[in-house]
Amino acid sequence: MSGFPGFPDRTVTPPPIPARPPRRPVPAPPPRYALAWGAALTLLSVLTGLLLRLDERPFFQGLDDAWAASLKGSPADTASGFATVLDRLGGPLGTVVPLLLMGCLCMYGRWRSALFVFTTAVVANVLLVLPLKQLADRPRPPHTWTLVNDGSYPSGQVFSAVALVIAAAVVLFPPGGRRWWWLFGAGYTGAMMWSRTWQHAQWLSDTFAGALAAVGACLLLWRAFAPLLETEAERMASDTLWM
C-alpha cells in the first residue's frame, strides 16, 4: 500500500512494452479491398475465357473487328519497328528483367521482395495465363506479323508488362515516386496493348483481358505476401535485414 503514514510505498511499475520497429515506405502495404478486387478481376477473366470457349463470336467481337480494321500499316513501317521492340520486351526480356530485379533485391538481403517479384511476374503468368489460353482456345487474328503460339486470349505479353509494373511499384518506390511510376506503367502498358494489336497478334479484348488478369493476380498475391513484406519493411527500418 502507499499513501498512508507508516506504510512503505510498494507501487510496482510495469515493464515497458517493447515498441514495434517502425515501418519503411517500401515494400508498400496492399490497398484496401485488395483481396476482393483481385478475386473479382481474376474471376472476370476466367468467365470471359469460358464465354469465348462457348461462343466463337462473342458480343465484343464487333469492336475487335473494327479496331483491327482501323490499323492501317505494314510490317515495314516505323511503327512496326517500335512494335517489334515492345514484342521483344514482352517476350524473352519479359522474363529476364524480373530475374535481374530479383538478383538485385537478394544482394541487399530483400529475399521476401524477390520472392514476391518472382511469384507475380513469372509464376502467375504460368499458372494463370496458360490455363486461360487453353480454356478460351481463341484463334489469333488472321495474317499476324510476328511469331506467335496458339491461343490469343489473354495476352501473355500484356500480363507480363502489368505484373512487372505492379511488382516494381510495390518493392522499389516510396509513395511519392510511386505516383510517377504508375503514370509510366500506364503508358508502357498502353503501348504494349497497341503493339500486340498493331502486329495482328491479338484482338483488342485479349490485351484488356491480359491487363485485368494481371491486376487481379497481383492484388491477390500482394495481399498474400503482406505479412512477409511488412516484416521486411520493419527490418529495413531497423537495419536488421541480415539478422
Protein backbone atom coordinates (compact mmCIF):
# COMPACT_ATOMS: atom_id res chain seq x y z
CA MET A 1 0.00 0.00 0.00
CA SER A 2 1.05 3.57 -0.43
CA GLY A 3 -0.12 7.00 0.53
CA PHE A 4 -0.64 6.16 4.25
CA PRO A 5 1.76 7.04 7.11
CA GLY A 6 3.85 4.16 8.33
CA PHE A 7 3.40 2.05 5.23
CA PRO A 8 6.15 1.85 2.61
CA ASP A 9 5.39 2.69 -0.96
CA ARG A 10 5.20 -0.69 -2.79
CA THR A 11 3.88 0.56 -6.15
CA VAL A 12 5.35 -1.62 -8.88
CA THR A 13 5.97 -0.02 -12.25
CA PRO A 14 5.19 -2.49 -15.06
CA PRO A 15 7.98 -3.07 -17.54
CA PRO A 16 7.70 -1.01 -20.71
CA ILE A 17 6.09 -2.74 -23.67
CA PRO A 18 8.72 -3.09 -26.40
CA ALA A 19 7.97 -0.74 -29.24
CA ARG A 20 7.35 -2.29 -32.62
CA PRO A 21 10.00 -1.32 -35.16
CA PRO A 22 8.96 1.47 -37.49
CA ARG A 23 7.84 0.60 -40.99
CA ARG A 24 9.64 1.83 -44.07
CA PRO A 25 7.51 3.05 -47.02
CA VAL A 26 8.82 0.13 -49.11
CA PRO A 27 7.73 -2.54 -49.67
CA ALA A 28 4.32 -0.93 -49.91
CA PRO A 29 1.33 -2.34 -48.00
CA PRO A 30 -1.56 -3.65 -50.11
CA PRO A 31 -4.51 -1.33 -50.74
CA ARG A 32 -7.84 -1.78 -49.03
CA TYR A 33 -10.09 -4.45 -50.52
CA ALA A 34 -7.14 -5.89 -52.45
CA LEU A 35 -8.46 -9.40 -51.85
CA ALA A 36 -11.98 -8.59 -53.08
CA TRP A 37 -10.85 -6.68 -56.17
CA GLY A 38 -8.21 -9.26 -57.01
CA ALA A 39 -10.70 -12.11 -56.80
CA ALA A 40 -13.29 -10.20 -58.86
CA LEU A 41 -10.89 -9.33 -61.69
CA THR A 42 -9.43 -12.82 -61.83
CA LEU A 43 -12.89 -14.37 -61.90
CA LEU A 44 -13.93 -11.96 -64.66
CA SER A 45 -11.01 -13.06 -66.82
CA VAL A 46 -11.92 -16.72 -66.26
CA LEU A 47 -15.60 -16.17 -67.07
CA THR A 48 -14.72 -14.27 -70.23
CA GLY A 49 -12.47 -17.13 -71.28
CA LEU A 50 -15.34 -19.54 -70.71
CA LEU A 51 -17.61 -17.33 -72.82
CA LEU A 52 -15.10 -17.47 -75.67
CA ARG A 53 -15.00 -21.22 -75.38
CA LEU A 54 -18.77 -21.46 -75.70
CA ASP A 55 -19.29 -18.73 -78.30
CA GLU A 56 -16.85 -18.28 -81.17
CA ARG A 57 -18.25 -14.81 -81.84
CA PRO A 58 -18.91 -13.08 -78.51
CA PHE A 59 -20.75 -9.79 -78.17
CA PHE A 60 -17.48 -7.78 -78.22
CA GLN A 61 -16.18 -9.33 -81.44
CA GLY A 62 -17.59 -6.42 -83.45
CA LEU A 63 -15.41 -3.99 -81.51
CA ASP A 64 -12.39 -6.23 -82.01
CA ASP A 65 -13.04 -6.37 -85.76
CA ALA A 66 -13.48 -2.60 -86.01
CA TRP A 67 -10.24 -1.93 -84.11
CA ALA A 68 -8.30 -4.41 -86.25
CA ALA A 69 -9.66 -2.84 -89.44
CA SER A 70 -8.62 0.64 -88.27
CA LEU A 71 -4.95 -0.33 -88.00
CA LYS A 72 -3.50 0.66 -91.36
CA GLY A 73 0.12 -0.13 -91.95
CA SER A 74 2.66 -2.73 -92.98
CA PRO A 75 5.44 -4.73 -91.31
CA ALA A 76 7.98 -2.32 -92.87
CA ASP A 77 6.58 0.83 -91.20
CA THR A 78 8.46 2.73 -88.50
CA ALA A 79 5.58 1.98 -86.15
CA SER A 80 6.13 -1.71 -86.81
CA GLY A 81 9.76 -1.35 -85.77
CA PHE A 82 8.67 0.16 -82.46
CA ALA A 83 6.10 -2.62 -82.05
CA THR A 84 8.86 -5.17 -82.64
CA VAL A 85 10.92 -3.67 -79.83
CA LEU A 86 7.94 -3.97 -77.50
CA ASP A 87 7.39 -7.52 -78.74
CA ARG A 88 10.94 -8.39 -77.65
CA LEU A 89 10.45 -6.69 -74.29
CA GLY A 90 7.30 -8.67 -73.70
CA GLY A 91 8.89 -11.89 -74.89
CA PRO A 92 12.23 -13.25 -73.63
CA LEU A 93 13.23 -9.99 -71.93
CA GLY A 94 9.92 -10.07 -70.09
CA THR A 95 11.42 -12.88 -68.04
CA VAL A 96 15.00 -11.60 -67.86
CA VAL A 97 14.08 -8.24 -66.31
CA PRO A 98 12.22 -9.73 -63.29
CA LEU A 99 15.12 -12.14 -62.72
CA LEU A 100 17.59 -9.24 -62.74
CA LEU A 101 15.40 -7.33 -60.29
CA MET A 102 15.25 -10.40 -58.06
CA GLY A 103 19.03 -10.69 -58.09
CA CYS A 104 19.47 -7.05 -57.09
CA LEU A 105 16.96 -7.41 -54.25
CA CYS A 106 18.66 -10.56 -52.94
CA MET A 107 22.03 -8.76 -52.94
CA TYR A 108 20.57 -6.34 -50.36
CA GLY A 109 19.01 -9.11 -48.27
CA ARG A 110 15.49 -8.44 -49.53
CA TRP A 111 14.63 -12.05 -50.35
CA ARG A 112 10.98 -11.52 -49.40
CA SER A 113 10.54 -8.85 -52.06
CA ALA A 114 12.47 -11.02 -54.53
CA LEU A 115 10.08 -13.90 -53.87
CA PHE A 116 7.11 -11.58 -54.41
CA VAL A 117 8.53 -10.36 -57.73
CA PHE A 118 9.20 -13.93 -58.90
CA THR A 119 5.70 -15.08 -57.99
CA THR A 120 3.85 -12.16 -59.56
CA ALA A 121 5.97 -11.65 -62.68
CA VAL A 122 6.85 -15.25 -63.54
CA VAL A 123 4.85 -17.89 -61.67
CA ALA A 124 1.47 -16.16 -62.04
CA ASN A 125 1.93 -15.99 -65.81
CA VAL A 126 2.45 -19.75 -65.98
CA LEU A 127 -0.33 -20.66 -63.57
CA LEU A 128 -2.98 -18.28 -64.90
CA VAL A 129 -2.29 -17.22 -68.50
CA LEU A 130 -1.52 -20.65 -69.92
CA PRO A 131 -4.65 -22.32 -68.45
CA LEU A 132 -6.76 -19.39 -69.67
CA LYS A 133 -5.39 -19.79 -73.17
CA GLN A 134 -6.35 -23.45 -73.12
CA LEU A 135 -9.78 -22.65 -71.69
CA ALA A 136 -10.66 -19.97 -74.25
CA ASP A 137 -8.86 -21.58 -77.20
CA ARG A 138 -9.42 -18.38 -79.20
CA PRO A 139 -7.92 -18.18 -82.69
CA ARG A 140 -5.45 -15.39 -83.44
CA PRO A 141 -6.34 -12.60 -85.87
CA PRO A 142 -5.53 -13.51 -89.46
CA HIS A 143 -2.17 -12.61 -91.03
CA THR A 144 -0.09 -11.94 -87.92
CA TRP A 145 3.20 -10.06 -88.40
CA THR A 146 5.16 -11.80 -85.66
CA LEU A 147 5.81 -15.29 -84.40
CA VAL A 148 3.04 -16.43 -82.05
CA ASN A 149 1.88 -19.60 -80.37
CA ASP A 150 -1.63 -20.98 -80.08
CA GLY A 151 -4.26 -19.18 -78.06
CA SER A 152 -4.99 -15.49 -78.46
CA TYR A 153 -6.83 -14.95 -75.15
CA PRO A 154 -5.50 -13.46 -72.92
CA SER A 155 -2.37 -11.54 -73.91
CA GLY A 156 0.56 -13.02 -72.04
CA GLN A 157 2.82 -10.13 -73.01
CA VAL A 158 0.43 -7.53 -71.61
CA PHE A 159 0.04 -9.68 -68.50
CA SER A 160 3.83 -9.73 -68.05
CA ALA A 161 4.10 -5.96 -68.57
CA VAL A 162 1.41 -5.14 -66.00
CA ALA A 163 2.73 -7.67 -63.47
CA LEU A 164 6.25 -6.25 -63.71
CA VAL A 165 4.99 -2.69 -63.31
CA ILE A 166 3.00 -3.58 -60.19
CA ALA A 167 5.77 -5.70 -58.66
CA ALA A 168 8.33 -2.92 -59.15
CA ALA A 169 5.94 -0.34 -57.70
CA VAL A 170 5.48 -2.44 -54.56
CA VAL A 171 9.13 -3.22 -53.81
CA LEU A 172 11.06 -0.22 -55.18
CA PHE A 173 9.19 3.07 -54.93
CA PRO A 174 8.09 5.19 -51.95
CA PRO A 175 4.66 6.85 -52.19
CA GLY A 176 5.91 9.98 -53.96
CA GLY A 177 7.88 8.13 -56.62
CA ARG A 178 5.18 5.52 -56.98
CA ARG A 179 2.76 8.08 -58.41
CA TRP A 180 5.14 8.82 -61.29
CA TRP A 181 5.83 5.13 -61.76
CA TRP A 182 2.10 4.44 -62.15
CA LEU A 183 1.98 7.02 -64.96
CA PHE A 184 4.94 5.41 -66.68
CA GLY A 185 3.42 1.97 -66.17
CA ALA A 186 0.12 3.03 -67.68
CA GLY A 187 1.92 4.39 -70.75
CA TYR A 188 4.05 1.28 -71.08
CA THR A 189 1.02 -0.99 -70.76
CA GLY A 190 -0.93 1.03 -73.32
CA ALA A 191 1.99 0.84 -75.74
CA MET A 192 2.23 -2.92 -75.25
CA MET A 193 -1.50 -3.33 -75.88
CA TRP A 194 -1.22 -1.25 -79.05
CA SER A 195 1.79 -3.23 -80.29
CA ARG A 196 0.02 -6.56 -79.93
CA THR A 197 -2.94 -5.37 -81.97
CA TRP A 198 -0.77 -3.47 -84.47
CA GLN A 199 1.08 -6.68 -85.27
CA HIS A 200 -2.26 -8.51 -85.54
CA ALA A 201 -1.02 -10.88 -82.88
CA GLN A 202 -4.07 -10.46 -80.67
CA TRP A 203 -7.52 -8.96 -80.55
CA LEU A 204 -8.09 -5.76 -78.61
CA SER A 205 -10.16 -7.60 -76.00
CA ASP A 206 -7.29 -10.06 -75.47
CA THR A 207 -5.00 -7.23 -74.43
CA PHE A 208 -7.54 -5.80 -71.99
CA ALA A 209 -8.05 -9.28 -70.56
CA GLY A 210 -4.31 -9.68 -70.07
CA ALA A 211 -4.15 -6.39 -68.17
CA LEU A 212 -7.17 -7.16 -65.97
CA ALA A 213 -5.96 -10.69 -65.22
CA ALA A 214 -2.55 -9.32 -64.23
CA VAL A 215 -4.03 -6.69 -61.90
CA GLY A 216 -6.27 -9.31 -60.32
CA ALA A 217 -3.47 -11.82 -59.79
CA CYS A 218 -1.08 -9.17 -58.43
CA LEU A 219 -3.66 -7.88 -55.95
CA LEU A 220 -4.27 -11.39 -54.65
CA LEU A 221 -0.56 -12.10 -54.32
CA TRP A 222 0.10 -8.67 -52.79
CA ARG A 223 -2.44 -9.47 -50.08
CA ALA A 224 -0.97 -12.96 -49.58
CA PHE A 225 2.59 -11.60 -49.27
CA ALA A 226 1.59 -8.70 -46.99
CA PRO A 227 2.95 -10.26 -43.75
CA LEU A 228 6.32 -11.06 -45.33
CA LEU A 229 6.59 -7.63 -46.94
CA GLU A 230 5.65 -5.90 -43.68
CA THR A 231 8.35 -7.84 -41.84
CA GLU A 232 10.89 -6.80 -44.46
CA ALA A 233 9.88 -3.14 -44.21
CA GLU A 234 10.32 -3.22 -40.42
CA ARG A 235 13.71 -4.94 -40.72
CA MET A 236 14.81 -2.36 -43.27
CA ALA A 237 13.84 0.43 -40.89
CA SER A 238 15.82 -1.13 -38.03
CA ASP A 239 18.78 -2.24 -40.19
CA THR A 240 18.26 -5.93 -39.33
CA LEU A 241 17.66 -7.38 -42.80
CA TRP A 242 20.54 -9.83 -42.44
CA MET A 243 19.61 -10.99 -38.92
